[in-house]
Amino acid sequence: MSRVGMRDADAPPGGGPFYGADLVAALAAVPPEVRVLVDRYLAENPGGRERLIPLLHRVQQALGHLPYDVQDYVADRLGLAPVEVHGVVSFYHFFTTVPRGR
């Protein structure tokens, strides 16, 4: 079953920020321009999970940060578990989930 189709009861304890209906709502909340940016990048750069970090850089450059709903969208489009994307974002200091001051 895809992550989008996951029922709340199927979510692992203490799992990521979104499951079930919450995940569907989060994916729907991703701005259309971000969807276009992600989909265009993936179409122009065939491959696998090695596209994750360059794609996250590109999205963060466009938005200024990487909100969780956008991370979940990237995970869904790359066929990764959202926790994998969240782990990369939280590990590297150059990624942020909130807008930084100027």
PDB file of N, CA and C in Angstrom:
ATOM      1  N   MET A   1       0.853  -1.175   0.000  1.00  0.00           N
ATOM      2  CA  MET A   1       0.000   0.000   0.000  1.00  0.00           C
ATOM      3  C   MET A   1       0.895   1.233   0.000  1.00  0.00           C
ATOM      4  N   SER A   2       0.567   2.212  -0.836  1.00  0.00           N
ATOM      5  CA  SER A   2       1.370   3.433  -0.857  1.00  0.00           C
ATOM      6  C   SER A   2       1.163   4.223   0.420  1.00  0.00           C
ATOM      7  N   ARG A   3       2.096   5.092   0.679  1.00  0.00           N
ATOM      8  CA  ARG A   3       2.010   5.917   1.884  1.00  0.00           C
ATOM      9  C   ARG A   3       0.752   6.773   1.860  1.00  0.00           C
ATOM     10  N   VAL A   4       0.367   7.252   0.697  1.00  0.00           N
ATOM     11  CA  VAL A   4      -0.822   8.088   0.603  1.00  0.00           C
ATOM     12  C   VAL A   4      -2.054   7.305   1.019  1.00  0.00           C
ATOM     13  N   GLY A   5      -2.095   6.006   0.714  1.00  0.00           N
ATOM     14  CA  GLY A   5      -3.251   5.189   1.056  1.00  0.00           C
ATOM     15  C   GLY A   5      -3.201   4.621   2.459  1.00  0.00           C
ATOM     16  N   MET A   6      -2.170   4.935   3.212  1.00  0.00           N
ATOM     17  CA  MET A   6      -2.012   4.378   4.551  1.00  0.00           C
ATOM     18  C   MET A   6      -3.110   4.882   5.482  1.00  0.00           C
ATOM     19  N   ARG A   7      -3.697   3.971   6.207  1.00  0.00           N
ATOM     20  CA  ARG A   7      -4.700   4.352   7.203  1.00  0.00           C
ATOM     21  C   ARG A   7      -3.981   4.798   8.461  1.00  0.00           C
ATOM     22  N   ASP A   8      -4.632   5.662   9.240  1.00  0.00           N
ATOM     23  CA  ASP A   8      -4.026   6.152  10.474  1.00  0.00           C
ATOM     24  C   ASP A   8      -3.619   5.005  11.387  1.00  0.00           C
ATOM     25  N   ALA A   9      -4.419   3.941  11.426  1.00  0.00           N
ATOM     26  CA  ALA A   9      -4.118   2.799  12.289  1.00  0.00           C
ATOM     27  C   ALA A   9      -2.861   2.064  11.832  1.00  0.00           C
ATOM     28  N   ASP A  10      -2.489   2.215  10.548  1.00  0.00           N
ATOM     29  CA  ASP A  10      -1.307   1.536  10.016  1.00  0.00           C
ATOM     30  C   ASP A  10      -0.015   2.303  10.273  1.00  0.00           C
ATOM     31  N   ALA A  11      -0.127   3.534  10.716  1.00  0.00           N
ATOM     32  CA  ALA A  11       1.055   4.368  10.922  1.00  0.00           C
ATOM     33  C   ALA A  11       1.884   3.831  12.079  1.00  0.00           C
ATOM     34  N   PRO A  12       3.206   3.794  11.915  1.00  0.00           N
ATOM     35  CA  PRO A  12       4.052   3.348  13.017  1.00  0.00           C
ATOM     36  C   PRO A  12       3.957   4.317  14.189  1.00  0.00           C
ATOM     37  N   PRO A  13       4.121   3.817  15.414  1.00  0.00           N
ATOM     38  CA  PRO A  13       4.043   4.704  16.576  1.00  0.00           C
ATOM     39  C   PRO A  13       5.081   5.813  16.481  1.00  0.00           C
ATOM     40  N   GLY A  14       4.653   7.017  16.746  1.00  0.00           N
ATOM     41  CA  GLY A  14       5.574   8.151  16.703  1.00  0.00           C
ATOM     42  C   GLY A  14       6.114   8.427  15.324  1.00  0.00           C
ATOM     43  N   GLY A  15       5.386   7.987  14.288  1.00  0.00           N
ATOM     44  CA  GLY A  15       5.847   8.134  12.912  1.00  0.00           C
ATOM     45  C   GLY A  15       5.989   9.582  12.500  1.00  0.00           C
ATOM     46  N   GLY A  16       6.050   9.816  11.212  1.00  0.00           N
ATOM     47  CA  GLY A  16       6.244  11.152  10.670  1.00  0.00           C
ATOM     48  C   GLY A  16       5.072  12.069  10.948  1.00  0.00           C
ATOM     49  N   PRO A  17       5.140  13.266  10.407  1.00  0.00           N
ATOM     50  CA  PRO A  17       4.120  14.249  10.721  1.00  0.00           C
ATOM     51  C   PRO A  17       2.766  13.982  10.085  1.00  0.00           C
ATOM     52  N   PHE A  18       2.710  13.202   9.005  1.00  0.00           N
ATOM     53  CA  PHE A  18       1.444  13.003   8.309  1.00  0.00           C
ATOM     54  C   PHE A  18       1.206  11.532   7.992  1.00  0.00           C
ATOM     55  N   TYR A  19      -0.039  11.089   8.186  1.00  0.00           N
ATOM     56  CA  TYR A  19      -0.462   9.749   7.788  1.00  0.00           C
ATOM     57  C   TYR A  19      -1.903   9.804   7.342  1.00  0.00           C
ATOM     58  N   GLY A  20      -2.304   8.861   6.510  1.00  0.00           N
ATOM     59  CA  GLY A  20      -3.693   8.731   6.104  1.00  0.00           C
ATOM     60  C   GLY A  20      -4.254  10.004   5.506  1.00  0.00           C
ATOM     61  N   ALA A  21      -5.428  10.394   5.998  1.00  0.00           N
ATOM     62  CA  ALA A  21      -6.104  11.587   5.478  1.00  0.00           C
ATOM     63  C   ALA A  21      -5.241  12.830   5.644  1.00  0.00           C
ATOM     64  N   ASP A  22      -4.461  12.888   6.723  1.00  0.00           N
ATOM     65  CA  ASP A  22      -3.583  14.040   6.930  1.00  0.00           C
ATOM     66  C   ASP A  22      -2.536  14.135   5.822  1.00  0.00           C
ATOM     67  N   LEU A  23      -2.018  12.994   5.379  1.00  0.00           N
ATOM     68  CA  LEU A  23      -1.017  13.001   4.314  1.00  0.00           C
ATOM     69  C   LEU A  23      -1.642  13.449   3.005  1.00  0.00           C
ATOM     70  N   VAL A  24      -2.828  12.953   2.701  1.00  0.00           N
ATOM     71  CA  VAL A  24      -3.502  13.355   1.467  1.00  0.00           C
ATOM     72  C   VAL A  24      -3.711  14.866   1.469  1.00  0.00           C
ATOM     73  N   ALA A  25      -4.143  15.411   2.598  1.00  0.00           N
ATOM     74  CA  ALA A  25      -4.344  16.860   2.711  1.00  0.00           C
ATOM     75  C   ALA A  25      -3.019  17.602   2.558  1.00  0.00           C
ATOM     76  N   ALA A  26      -1.950  17.071   3.146  1.00  0.00           N
ATOM     77  CA  ALA A  26      -0.638  17.719   3.054  1.00  0.00           C
ATOM     78  C   ALA A  26      -0.145  17.741   1.614  1.00  0.00           C
ATOM     79  N   LEU A  27      -0.300  16.629   0.900  1.00  0.00           N
ATOM     80  CA  LEU A  27       0.144  16.584  -0.489  1.00  0.00           C
ATOM     81  C   LEU A  27      -0.672  17.544  -1.347  1.00  0.00           C
ATOM     82  N   ALA A  28      -1.958  17.672  -1.044  1.00  0.00           N
ATOM     83  CA  ALA A  28      -2.811  18.598  -1.791  1.00  0.00           C
ATOM     84  C   ALA A  28      -2.439  20.049  -1.498  1.00  0.00           C
ATOM     85  N   ALA A  29      -1.829  20.298  -0.338  1.00  0.00           N
ATOM     86  CA  ALA A  29      -1.474  21.663   0.061  1.00  0.00           C
ATOM     87  C   ALA A  29      -0.186  22.165  -0.591  1.00  0.00           C
ATOM     88  N   VAL A  30       0.527  21.298  -1.281  1.00  0.00           N
ATOM     89  CA  VAL A  30       1.779  21.711  -1.927  1.00  0.00           C
ATOM     90  C   VAL A  30       1.442  22.697  -3.049  1.00  0.00           C
ATOM     91  N   PRO A  31       2.059  23.870  -3.043  1.00  0.00           N
ATOM     92  CA  PRO A  31       1.752  24.878  -4.068  1.00  0.00           C
ATOM     93  C   PRO A  31       1.996  24.339  -5.483  1.00  0.00           C
ATOM     94  N   PRO A  32       1.148  24.716  -6.426  1.00  0.00           N
ATOM     95  CA  PRO A  32       1.293  24.220  -7.805  1.00  0.00           C
ATOM     96  C   PRO A  32       2.668  24.505  -8.404  1.00  0.00           C
ATOM     97  N   GLU A  33       3.257  25.662  -8.082  1.00  0.00           N
ATOM     98  CA  GLU A  33       4.571  25.975  -8.657  1.00  0.00           C
ATOM     99  C   GLU A  33       5.651  25.025  -8.140  1.00  0.00           C
ATOM    100  N   VAL A  34       5.477  24.523  -6.913  1.00  0.00           N
ATOM    101  CA  VAL A  34       6.430  23.549  -6.371  1.00  0.00           C
ATOM    102  C   VAL A  34       6.228  22.206  -7.063  1.00  0.00           C
ATOM    103  N   ARG A  35       4.990  21.836  -7.286  1.00  0.00           N
ATOM    104  CA  ARG A  35       4.707  20.589  -8.012  1.00  0.00           C
ATOM    105  C   ARG A  35       5.356  20.626  -9.394  1.00  0.00           C
ATOM    106  N   VAL A  36       5.206  21.743 -10.092  1.00  0.00           N
ATOM    107  CA  VAL A  36       5.791  21.890 -11.429  1.00  0.00           C
ATOM    108  C   VAL A  36       7.308  21.806 -11.346  1.00  0.00           C
ATOM    109  N   LEU A  37       7.909  22.503 -10.389  1.00  0.00           N
ATOM    110  CA  LEU A  37       9.362  22.495 -10.230  1.00  0.00           C
ATOM    111  C   LEU A  37       9.875  21.075  -9.988  1.00  0.00           C
ATOM    112  N   VAL A  38       9.236  20.357  -9.068  1.00  0.00           N
ATOM    113  CA  VAL A  38       9.653  18.991  -8.732  1.00  0.00           C
ATOM    114  C   VAL A  38       9.468  18.072  -9.933  1.00  0.00           C
ATOM    115  N   ASP A  39       8.296  18.114 -10.538  1.00  0.00           N
ATOM    116  CA  ASP A  39       8.012  17.215 -11.658  1.00  0.00           C
ATOM    117  C   ASP A  39       8.917  17.496 -12.854  1.00  0.00           C
ATOM    118  N   ARG A  40       9.193  18.770 -13.117  1.00  0.00           N
ATOM    119  CA  ARG A  40      10.080  19.121 -14.231  1.00  0.00           C
ATOM    120  C   ARG A  40      11.502  18.621 -13.951  1.00  0.00           C
ATOM    121  N   TYR A  41      11.981  18.829 -12.720  1.00  0.00           N
ATOM    122  CA  TYR A  41      13.329  18.374 -12.371  1.00  0.00           C
ATOM    123  C   TYR A  41      13.448  16.857 -12.553  1.00  0.00           C
ATOM    124  N   LEU A  42      12.449  16.124 -12.072  1.00  0.00           N
ATOM    125  CA  LEU A  42      12.498  14.667 -12.171  1.00  0.00           C
ATOM    126  C   LEU A  42      12.425  14.202 -13.622  1.00  0.00           C
ATOM    127  N   ALA A  43      11.655  14.897 -14.452  1.00  0.00           N
ATOM    128  CA  ALA A  43      11.566  14.532 -15.868  1.00  0.00           C
ATOM    129  C   ALA A  43      12.884  14.798 -16.594  1.00  0.00           C
ATOM    130  N   GLU A  44      13.562  15.868 -16.216  1.00  0.00           N
ATOM    131  CA  GLU A  44      14.815  16.247 -16.878  1.00  0.00           C
ATOM    132  C   GLU A  44      16.025  15.495 -16.342  1.00  0.00           C
ATOM    133  N   ASN A  45      15.887  14.864 -15.188  1.00  0.00           N
ATOM    134  CA  ASN A  45      17.005  14.182 -14.534  1.00  0.00           C
ATOM    135  C   ASN A  45      16.603  12.771 -14.147  1.00  0.00           C
ATOM    136  N   PRO A  46      16.607  11.854 -15.117  1.00  0.00           N
ATOM    137  CA  PRO A  46      16.227  10.481 -14.787  1.00  0.00           C
ATOM    138  C   PRO A  46      17.231   9.858 -13.821  1.00  0.00           C
ATOM    139  N   GLY A  47      16.751   8.946 -13.052  1.00  0.00           N
ATOM    140  CA  GLY A  47      17.616   8.276 -12.091  1.00  0.00           C
ATOM    141  C   GLY A  47      16.824   7.839 -10.888  1.00  0.00           C
ATOM    142  N   GLY A  48      17.509   7.694  -9.788  1.00  0.00           N
ATOM    143  CA  GLY A  48      16.891   7.213  -8.562  1.00  0.00           C
ATOM    144  C   GLY A  48      17.051   8.192  -7.428  1.00  0.00           C
ATOM    145  N   ARG A  49      17.326   7.630  -6.276  1.00  0.00           N
ATOM    146  CA  ARG A  49      17.391   8.424  -5.049  1.00  0.00           C
ATOM    147  C   ARG A  49      18.548   9.417  -5.019  1.00  0.00           C
ATOM    148  N   GLU A  50      19.507   9.264  -5.921  1.00  0.00           N
ATOM    149  CA  GLU A  50      20.629  10.211  -5.966  1.00  0.00           C
ATOM    150  C   GLU A  50      20.162  11.614  -6.363  1.00  0.00           C
ATOM    151  N   ARG A  51      18.939  11.735  -6.835  1.00  0.00           N
ATOM    152  CA  ARG A  51      18.386  13.042  -7.209  1.00  0.00           C
ATOM    153  C   ARG A  51      17.848  13.807  -6.005  1.00  0.00           C
ATOM    154  N   LEU A  52      17.759  13.164  -4.848  1.00  0.00           N
ATOM    155  CA  LEU A  52      17.108  13.775  -3.691  1.00  0.00           C
ATOM    156  C   LEU A  52      17.763  15.088  -3.256  1.00  0.00           C
ATOM    157  N   ILE A  53      19.053  15.078  -2.967  1.00  0.00           N
ATOM    158  CA  ILE A  53      19.697  16.283  -2.431  1.00  0.00           C
ATOM    159  C   ILE A  53      19.685  17.429  -3.446  1.00  0.00           C
ATOM    160  N   PRO A  54      20.042  17.198  -4.711  1.00  0.00           N
ATOM    161  CA  PRO A  54      19.944  18.315  -5.664  1.00  0.00           C
ATOM    162  C   PRO A  54      18.512  18.852  -5.795  1.00  0.00           C
ATOM    163  N   LEU A  55      17.529  17.968  -5.737  1.00  0.00           N
ATOM    164  CA  LEU A  55      16.136  18.405  -5.824  1.00  0.00           C
ATOM    165  C   LEU A  55      15.747  19.223  -4.600  1.00  0.00           C
ATOM    166  N   LEU A  56      16.155  18.785  -3.424  1.00  0.00           N
ATOM    167  CA  LEU A  56      15.854  19.548  -2.208  1.00  0.00           C
ATOM    168  C   LEU A  56      16.498  20.932  -2.258  1.00  0.00           C
ATOM    169  N   HIS A  57      17.722  21.006  -2.761  1.00  0.00           N
ATOM    170  CA  HIS A  57      18.382  22.314  -2.915  1.00  0.00           C
ATOM    171  C   HIS A  57      17.559  23.227  -3.824  1.00  0.00           C
ATOM    172  N   ARG A  58      17.109  22.677  -4.925  1.00  0.00           N
ATOM    173  CA  ARG A  58      16.352  23.476  -5.888  1.00  0.00           C
ATOM    174  C   ARG A  58      15.035  23.972  -5.282  1.00  0.00           C
ATOM    175  N   VAL A  59      14.344  23.092  -4.571  1.00  0.00           N
ATOM    176  CA  VAL A  59      13.071  23.480  -3.954  1.00  0.00           C
ATOM    177  C   VAL A  59      13.311  24.520  -2.861  1.00  0.00           C
ATOM    178  N   GLN A  60      14.338  24.308  -2.038  1.00  0.00           N
ATOM    179  CA  GLN A  60      14.611  25.274  -0.976  1.00  0.00           C
ATOM    180  C   GLN A  60      15.008  26.632  -1.564  1.00  0.00           C
ATOM    181  N   GLN A  61      15.729  26.623  -2.649  1.00  0.00           N
ATOM    182  CA  GLN A  61      16.096  27.881  -3.298  1.00  0.00           C
ATOM    183  C   GLN A  61      14.841  28.626  -3.753  1.00  0.00           C
ATOM    184  N   ALA A  62      13.845  27.895  -4.224  1.00  0.00           N
ATOM    185  CA  ALA A  62      12.607  28.524  -4.695  1.00  0.00           C
ATOM    186  C   ALA A  62      11.727  29.005  -3.546  1.00  0.00           C
ATOM    187  N   LEU A  63      11.645  28.216  -2.463  1.00  0.00           N
ATOM    188  CA  LEU A  63      10.740  28.534  -1.354  1.00  0.00           C
ATOM    189  C   LEU A  63      11.409  29.234  -0.178  1.00  0.00           C
ATOM    190  N   GLY A  64      12.703  29.021  -0.022  1.00  0.00           N
ATOM    191  CA  GLY A  64      13.404  29.565   1.136  1.00  0.00           C
ATOM    192  C   GLY A  64      13.483  28.589   2.295  1.00  0.00           C
ATOM    193  N   HIS A  65      12.728  27.508   2.232  1.00  0.00           N
ATOM    194  CA  HIS A  65      12.743  26.468   3.259  1.00  0.00           C
ATOM    195  C   HIS A  65      12.038  25.233   2.703  1.00  0.00           C
ATOM    196  N   LEU A  66      12.019  24.147   3.494  1.00  0.00           N
ATOM    197  CA  LEU A  66      11.418  22.887   3.054  1.00  0.00           C
ATOM    198  C   LEU A  66      10.334  22.451   4.040  1.00  0.00           C
ATOM    199  N   PRO A  67       9.113  22.946   3.865  1.00  0.00           N
ATOM    200  CA  PRO A  67       8.030  22.538   4.770  1.00  0.00           C
ATOM    201  C   PRO A  67       7.785  21.031   4.675  1.00  0.00           C
ATOM    202  N   TYR A  68       7.201  20.468   5.717  1.00  0.00           N
ATOM    203  CA  TYR A  68       6.969  19.029   5.750  1.00  0.00           C
ATOM    204  C   TYR A  68       6.083  18.546   4.611  1.00  0.00           C
ATOM    205  N   ASP A  69       5.071  19.317   4.236  1.00  0.00           N
ATOM    206  CA  ASP A  69       4.211  18.859   3.149  1.00  0.00           C
ATOM    207  C   ASP A  69       4.984  18.774   1.835  1.00  0.00           C
ATOM    208  N   VAL A  70       5.921  19.680   1.624  1.00  0.00           N
ATOM    209  CA  VAL A  70       6.760  19.639   0.426  1.00  0.00           C
ATOM    210  C   VAL A  70       7.714  18.443   0.493  1.00  0.00           C
ATOM    211  N   GLN A  71       8.269  18.175   1.661  1.00  0.00           N
ATOM    212  CA  GLN A  71       9.132  17.003   1.825  1.00  0.00           C
ATOM    213  C   GLN A  71       8.360  15.724   1.507  1.00  0.00           C
ATOM    214  N   ASP A  72       7.117  15.652   1.969  1.00  0.00           N
ATOM    215  CA  ASP A  72       6.294  14.473   1.694  1.00  0.00           C
ATOM    216  C   ASP A  72       5.998  14.342   0.205  1.00  0.00           C
ATOM    217  N   TYR A  73       5.789  15.457  -0.471  1.00  0.00           N
ATOM    218  CA  TYR A  73       5.549  15.423  -1.913  1.00  0.00           C
ATOM    219  C   TYR A  73       6.792  14.913  -2.642  1.00  0.00           C
ATOM    220  N   VAL A  74       7.951  15.414  -2.261  1.00  0.00           N
ATOM    221  CA  VAL A  74       9.209  14.959  -2.869  1.00  0.00           C
ATOM    222  C   VAL A  74       9.384  13.457  -2.635  1.00  0.00           C
ATOM    223  N   ALA A  75       9.127  13.007  -1.419  1.00  0.00           N
ATOM    224  CA  ALA A  75       9.237  11.578  -1.108  1.00  0.00           C
ATOM    225  C   ALA A  75       8.300  10.763  -1.983  1.00  0.00           C
ATOM    226  N   ASP A  76       7.066  11.214  -2.100  1.00  0.00           N
ATOM    227  CA  ASP A  76       6.073  10.509  -2.911  1.00  0.00           C
ATOM    228  C   ASP A  76       6.522  10.423  -4.363  1.00  0.00           C
ATOM    229  N   ARG A  77       7.032  11.511  -4.924  1.00  0.00           N
ATOM    230  CA  ARG A  77       7.450  11.537  -6.331  1.00  0.00           C
ATOM    231  C   ARG A  77       8.709  10.707  -6.579  1.00  0.00           C
ATOM    232  N   LEU A  78       9.574  10.584  -5.567  1.00  0.00           N
ATOM    233  CA  LEU A  78      10.791   9.778  -5.724  1.00  0.00           C
ATOM    234  C   LEU A  78      10.584   8.322  -5.317  1.00  0.00           C
ATOM    235  N   GLY A  79       9.414   8.009  -4.766  1.00  0.00           N
ATOM    236  CA  GLY A  79       9.150   6.643  -4.314  1.00  0.00           C
ATOM    237  C   GLY A  79       9.902   6.298  -3.040  1.00  0.00           C
ATOM    238  N   LEU A  80      10.166   7.299  -2.222  1.00  0.00           N
ATOM    239  CA  LEU A  80      10.877   7.103  -0.960  1.00  0.00           C
ATOM    240  C   LEU A  80       9.903   7.212   0.204  1.00  0.00           C
ATOM    241  N   ALA A  81      10.293   6.663   1.327  1.00  0.00           N
ATOM    242  CA  ALA A  81       9.520   6.859   2.549  1.00  0.00           C
ATOM    243  C   ALA A  81       9.745   8.297   3.011  1.00  0.00           C
ATOM    244  N   PRO A  82       8.699   8.974   3.452  1.00  0.00           N
ATOM    245  CA  PRO A  82       8.876  10.349   3.923  1.00  0.00           C
ATOM    246  C   PRO A  82       9.948  10.486   4.993  1.00  0.00           C
ATOM    247  N   VAL A  83      10.102   9.479   5.829  1.00  0.00           N
ATOM    248  CA  VAL A  83      11.119   9.555   6.881  1.00  0.00           C
ATOM    249  C   VAL A  83      12.523   9.647   6.285  1.00  0.00           C
ATOM    250  N   GLU A  84      12.731   9.076   5.101  1.00  0.00           N
ATOM    251  CA  GLU A  84      14.041   9.184   4.454  1.00  0.00           C
ATOM    252  C   GLU A  84      14.332  10.636   4.067  1.00  0.00           C
ATOM    253  N   VAL A  85      13.340  11.304   3.530  1.00  0.00           N
ATOM    254  CA  VAL A  85      13.520  12.703   3.140  1.00  0.00           C
ATOM    255  C   VAL A  85      13.672  13.573   4.382  1.00  0.00           C
ATOM    256  N   HIS A  86      12.822  13.347   5.389  1.00  0.00           N
ATOM    257  CA  HIS A  86      12.920  14.122   6.630  1.00  0.00           C
ATOM    258  C   HIS A  86      14.293  13.933   7.271  1.00  0.00           C
ATOM    259  N   GLY A  87      14.829  12.712   7.203  1.00  0.00           N
ATOM    260  CA  GLY A  87      16.145  12.436   7.769  1.00  0.00           C
ATOM    261  C   GLY A  87      17.247  13.218   7.074  1.00  0.00           C
ATOM    262  N   VAL A  88      17.182  13.283   5.755  1.00  0.00           N
ATOM    263  CA  VAL A  88      18.179  14.042   4.994  1.00  0.00           C
ATOM    264  C   VAL A  88      18.074  15.530   5.328  1.00  0.00           C
ATOM    265  N   VAL A  89      16.845  16.046   5.361  1.00  0.00           N
ATOM    266  CA  VAL A  89      16.644  17.473   5.644  1.00  0.00           C
ATOM    267  C   VAL A  89      17.145  17.818   7.042  1.00  0.00           C
ATOM    268  N   SER A  90      16.875  16.961   8.008  1.00  0.00           N
ATOM    269  CA  SER A  90      17.291  17.269   9.383  1.00  0.00           C
ATOM    270  C   SER A  90      18.787  17.034   9.604  1.00  0.00           C
ATOM    271  N   PHE A  91      19.410  16.183   8.799  1.00  0.00           N
ATOM    272  CA  PHE A  91      20.829  15.874   8.973  1.00  0.00           C
ATOM    273  C   PHE A  91      21.728  17.005   8.469  1.00  0.00           C
ATOM    274  N   TYR A  92      21.412  17.536   7.307  1.00  0.00           N
ATOM    275  CA  TYR A  92      22.276  18.541   6.690  1.00  0.00           C
ATOM    276  C   TYR A  92      21.922  19.943   7.163  1.00  0.00           C
ATOM    277  N   HIS A  93      22.931  20.683   7.623  1.00  0.00           N
ATOM    278  CA  HIS A  93      22.713  22.018   8.180  1.00  0.00           C
ATOM    279  C   HIS A  93      22.222  23.034   7.154  1.00  0.00           C
ATOM    280  N   PHE A  94      22.451  22.776   5.879  1.00  0.00           N
ATOM    281  CA  PHE A  94      22.055  23.752   4.864  1.00  0.00           C
ATOM    282  C   PHE A  94      20.588  23.654   4.482  1.00  0.00           C
ATOM    283  N   PHE A  95      19.867  22.677   5.028  1.00  0.00           N
ATOM    284  CA  PHE A  95      18.428  22.598   4.808  1.00  0.00           C
ATOM    285  C   PHE A  95      17.703  23.105   6.044  1.00  0.00           C
ATOM    286  N   THR A  96      16.554  23.733   5.843  1.00  0.00           N
ATOM    287  CA  THR A  96      15.756  24.222   6.958  1.00  0.00           C
ATOM    288  C   THR A  96      14.273  23.991   6.676  1.00  0.00           C
ATOM    289  N   THR A  97      13.527  23.708   7.724  1.00  0.00           N
ATOM    290  CA  THR A  97      12.087  23.484   7.583  1.00  0.00           C
ATOM    291  C   THR A  97      11.282  24.749   7.847  1.00  0.00           C
ATOM    292  N   VAL A  98      11.940  25.788   8.311  1.00  0.00           N
ATOM    293  CA  VAL A  98      11.264  27.067   8.575  1.00  0.00           C
ATOM    294  C   VAL A  98      12.020  28.181   7.859  1.00  0.00           C
ATOM    295  N   PRO A  99      11.319  29.229   7.462  1.00  0.00           N
ATOM    296  CA  PRO A  99      12.016  30.335   6.796  1.00  0.00           C
ATOM    297  C   PRO A  99      13.059  30.947   7.725  1.00  0.00           C
ATOM    298  N   ARG A 100      14.208  31.255   7.181  1.00  0.00           N
ATOM    299  CA  ARG A 100      15.271  31.895   7.963  1.00  0.00           C
ATOM    300  C   ARG A 100      15.166  33.398   7.824  1.00  0.00           C
ATOM    301  N   GLY A 101      15.586  34.097   8.871  1.00  0.00           N
ATOM    302  CA  GLY A 101      15.599  35.561   8.828  1.00  0.00           C
ATOM    303  C   GLY A 101      16.629  36.071   7.847  1.00  0.00           C
ATOM    304  N   ARG A 102      16.438  37.279   7.441  1.00  0.00           N
ATOM    305  CA  ARG A 102      17.382  37.882   6.480  1.00  0.00           C
ATOM    306  C   ARG A 102      18.286  38.843   7.179  1.00  0.00           C
TER     307      ARG A 102
END
